[in-house]
N, C-alpha and C. Protein backbone atom coordinates (compact mmCIF):
# COMPACT_ATOMS: atom_id res chain seq x y z
N MET A 1 79.74 -163.98 -318.18
CA MET A 1 80.11 -162.99 -318.25
C MET A 1 81.09 -163.10 -317.67
N THR A 2 82.49 -162.06 -317.39
CA THR A 2 83.54 -162.68 -316.56
C THR A 2 83.49 -162.12 -315.16
N ASP A 3 84.21 -162.49 -314.42
CA ASP A 3 84.52 -161.77 -313.01
C ASP A 3 85.23 -160.82 -312.90
N PRO A 4 85.11 -159.83 -312.51
CA PRO A 4 86.12 -158.29 -312.20
C PRO A 4 87.15 -159.06 -311.26
N TYR A 5 86.64 -159.37 -309.94
CA TYR A 5 87.47 -159.68 -309.33
C TYR A 5 88.69 -161.29 -309.41
N ARG A 6 88.35 -161.92 -310.72
CA ARG A 6 89.07 -163.05 -310.86
C ARG A 6 90.08 -162.45 -311.19
N SER A 7 91.69 -162.93 -310.76
CA SER A 7 93.07 -162.66 -311.56
C SER A 7 93.50 -163.03 -311.09
N CYS A 8 94.94 -163.09 -311.50
CA CYS A 8 96.40 -163.90 -311.13
C CYS A 8 96.62 -163.49 -309.60
N SER A 9 97.44 -164.37 -309.13
CA SER A 9 97.75 -164.48 -307.91
C SER A 9 98.41 -163.36 -307.73
N LEU A 10 99.46 -162.82 -308.35
CA LEU A 10 100.14 -161.87 -308.21
C LEU A 10 99.37 -160.36 -308.09
N CYS A 11 98.15 -160.07 -308.60
CA CYS A 11 97.22 -159.27 -309.02
C CYS A 11 96.89 -158.81 -307.38
N ARG A 12 96.35 -160.07 -307.38
CA ARG A 12 95.45 -160.13 -305.57
C ARG A 12 96.85 -160.43 -304.54
N PHE A 13 97.80 -160.52 -304.45
CA PHE A 13 98.56 -160.16 -303.69
C PHE A 13 98.97 -158.70 -303.89
N MET A 14 99.31 -158.11 -304.98
CA MET A 14 99.49 -156.66 -304.91
C MET A 14 97.94 -155.84 -304.48
N ARG A 15 97.19 -156.21 -304.98
CA ARG A 15 95.89 -155.48 -304.27
C ARG A 15 95.75 -155.33 -302.70
N ALA A 16 95.88 -156.80 -302.17
CA ALA A 16 96.32 -156.65 -300.63
C ALA A 16 97.37 -155.91 -300.04
N LEU A 17 98.04 -155.87 -300.44
CA LEU A 17 99.69 -155.55 -300.25
C LEU A 17 99.19 -153.74 -300.37
N ALA A 18 98.31 -153.45 -301.23
CA ALA A 18 97.94 -151.86 -301.65
C ALA A 18 96.39 -151.81 -300.32
N PHE A 19 95.55 -152.38 -300.36
CA PHE A 19 94.73 -152.29 -299.11
C PHE A 19 95.56 -152.53 -297.74
N SER A 20 96.16 -152.93 -297.63
CA SER A 20 96.63 -153.41 -295.88
C SER A 20 97.64 -151.90 -295.92
N ALA A 21 98.16 -151.55 -297.19
CA ALA A 21 99.42 -150.15 -296.79
C ALA A 21 98.35 -148.70 -296.26
N ILE A 22 96.90 -148.95 -297.23
CA ILE A 22 96.00 -147.86 -296.77
C ILE A 22 95.43 -148.02 -295.55
N GLY A 23 95.19 -149.28 -295.09
CA GLY A 23 94.43 -149.24 -293.44
C GLY A 23 95.14 -148.87 -292.65
N ALA A 24 96.65 -149.27 -293.00
CA ALA A 24 97.40 -148.95 -292.18
C ALA A 24 97.86 -147.51 -291.74
N ALA A 25 98.00 -147.43 -292.64
CA ALA A 25 98.55 -145.80 -293.01
C ALA A 25 97.35 -144.67 -291.94
N LEU A 26 95.87 -144.76 -292.52
CA LEU A 26 94.84 -144.37 -291.64
C LEU A 26 94.98 -144.87 -290.45
N ALA A 27 94.96 -145.84 -290.05
CA ALA A 27 94.65 -146.12 -288.69
C ALA A 27 96.07 -145.53 -287.70
N GLY A 28 97.05 -145.67 -288.19
CA GLY A 28 98.85 -145.49 -287.33
C GLY A 28 98.64 -143.66 -287.50
N TYR A 29 98.01 -143.26 -288.28
CA TYR A 29 98.30 -141.59 -288.71
C TYR A 29 96.96 -140.99 -287.94
N GLY A 30 95.81 -141.45 -287.88
CA GLY A 30 94.94 -140.93 -287.43
C GLY A 30 95.07 -141.70 -285.70
N SER A 31 95.61 -142.53 -285.26
CA SER A 31 95.95 -142.42 -283.56
C SER A 31 96.98 -141.72 -283.37
N LEU A 32 97.75 -141.51 -284.38
CA LEU A 32 99.14 -140.11 -283.70
C LEU A 32 98.13 -138.85 -283.25
N GLY A 33 97.54 -138.80 -284.86
CA GLY A 33 96.61 -137.54 -284.73
C GLY A 33 95.72 -137.34 -282.98
N LEU A 34 94.98 -138.10 -282.74
CA LEU A 34 94.25 -138.46 -281.87
C LEU A 34 95.27 -138.56 -280.11
N GLY A 35 96.44 -138.38 -280.42
CA GLY A 35 96.89 -138.58 -279.27
C GLY A 35 97.77 -139.39 -278.73
N LEU A 36 97.45 -140.87 -279.12
CA LEU A 36 98.19 -141.71 -278.56
C LEU A 36 99.72 -141.94 -278.84
N ASP A 37 100.26 -142.72 -277.92
CA ASP A 37 101.61 -142.80 -278.29
C ASP A 37 102.24 -143.52 -279.24
N ARG A 38 103.64 -143.65 -279.92
CA ARG A 38 103.78 -144.27 -280.66
C ARG A 38 103.28 -145.74 -280.85
N SER A 39 103.83 -146.65 -279.41
CA SER A 39 103.39 -147.90 -279.71
C SER A 39 101.79 -148.04 -279.72
N SER A 40 101.04 -147.50 -279.08
CA SER A 40 99.49 -147.52 -279.52
C SER A 40 99.48 -147.30 -281.15
N ALA A 41 100.07 -146.86 -281.91
CA ALA A 41 99.81 -146.48 -283.24
C ALA A 41 100.44 -147.40 -283.90
N ILE A 42 101.34 -148.03 -283.30
CA ILE A 42 102.18 -149.49 -284.65
C ILE A 42 100.79 -150.35 -284.20
N ILE A 43 100.17 -150.74 -283.31
CA ILE A 43 99.43 -151.76 -282.96
C ILE A 43 97.90 -151.09 -284.05
N ALA A 44 97.66 -149.77 -283.66
CA ALA A 44 96.18 -149.55 -284.36
C ALA A 44 97.11 -149.98 -285.94
N ALA A 45 97.93 -149.00 -286.44
CA ALA A 45 98.41 -149.65 -287.83
C ALA A 45 98.10 -151.26 -288.16
N PHE A 46 98.83 -152.20 -287.31
CA PHE A 46 98.63 -153.48 -287.79
C PHE A 46 96.91 -154.01 -287.91
N PHE A 47 96.49 -153.46 -287.23
CA PHE A 47 94.43 -153.69 -287.05
C PHE A 47 93.85 -153.04 -287.80
N GLY A 48 94.74 -151.85 -288.25
CA GLY A 48 94.44 -151.50 -289.34
C GLY A 48 93.92 -151.84 -291.02
N ALA A 49 95.45 -152.32 -291.19
CA ALA A 49 96.10 -152.90 -291.91
C ALA A 49 95.54 -154.60 -292.05
N LEU A 50 94.69 -154.86 -290.88
CA LEU A 50 94.47 -156.25 -290.76
C LEU A 50 92.79 -156.17 -291.52
N GLY A 51 92.36 -155.09 -290.96
CA GLY A 51 90.70 -154.78 -291.19
C GLY A 51 91.03 -154.20 -292.21
N ALA A 52 91.69 -154.07 -293.16
CA ALA A 52 91.55 -152.85 -294.66
C ALA A 52 90.98 -154.58 -295.69
N VAL A 53 92.11 -155.54 -295.09
CA VAL A 53 91.94 -156.57 -296.31
C VAL A 53 91.29 -157.51 -295.78
N VAL A 54 90.61 -157.93 -294.53
CA VAL A 54 89.15 -158.44 -294.26
C VAL A 54 87.96 -157.37 -295.07
N TRP A 55 88.13 -156.68 -295.03
CA TRP A 55 87.09 -156.08 -295.29
C TRP A 55 86.65 -156.08 -296.98
N ILE A 56 87.81 -155.90 -297.81
CA ILE A 56 87.91 -155.90 -298.89
C ILE A 56 87.54 -157.68 -299.85
N GLY A 57 88.19 -158.51 -298.80
CA GLY A 57 88.11 -160.01 -299.04
C GLY A 57 86.48 -160.48 -298.72
N ARG A 58 85.99 -159.64 -297.63
CA ARG A 58 83.98 -160.14 -297.41
C ARG A 58 83.41 -159.30 -298.56
N ARG A 59 83.61 -158.12 -298.85
CA ARG A 59 83.27 -157.16 -299.83
C ARG A 59 83.36 -157.82 -301.13
N ARG A 60 84.61 -158.74 -301.47
CA ARG A 60 84.61 -159.46 -302.74
C ARG A 60 83.74 -160.76 -303.03
N ARG A 61 83.44 -160.90 -302.08
CA ARG A 61 82.55 -162.39 -301.50
C ARG A 61 81.09 -162.08 -301.72
N GLY A 62 80.63 -160.92 -301.64
CA GLY A 62 79.44 -160.35 -301.72
C GLY A 62 78.81 -160.32 -299.95
N GLY A 63 80.08 -160.54 -298.95
CA GLY A 63 79.61 -160.40 -298.00
C GLY A 63 79.23 -161.63 -296.97
N GLU A 64 79.58 -162.84 -297.51
CA GLU A 64 79.18 -163.93 -297.01
C GLU A 64 79.77 -164.19 -295.58
């Protein structure tokens, strides 16, 4: 049976881009909603994007 996560490199890139945008938006706007300043929200957005990509990468490999 084929692996549903195996795809072309463009598809993997677009998936990573989508998850990083979602993670950045959640972390950035979440920190603004909690009352942090804009520079802290930018830092939170960066780590949110990084965390989302790492999380989906680990989930794809089965948590290795």
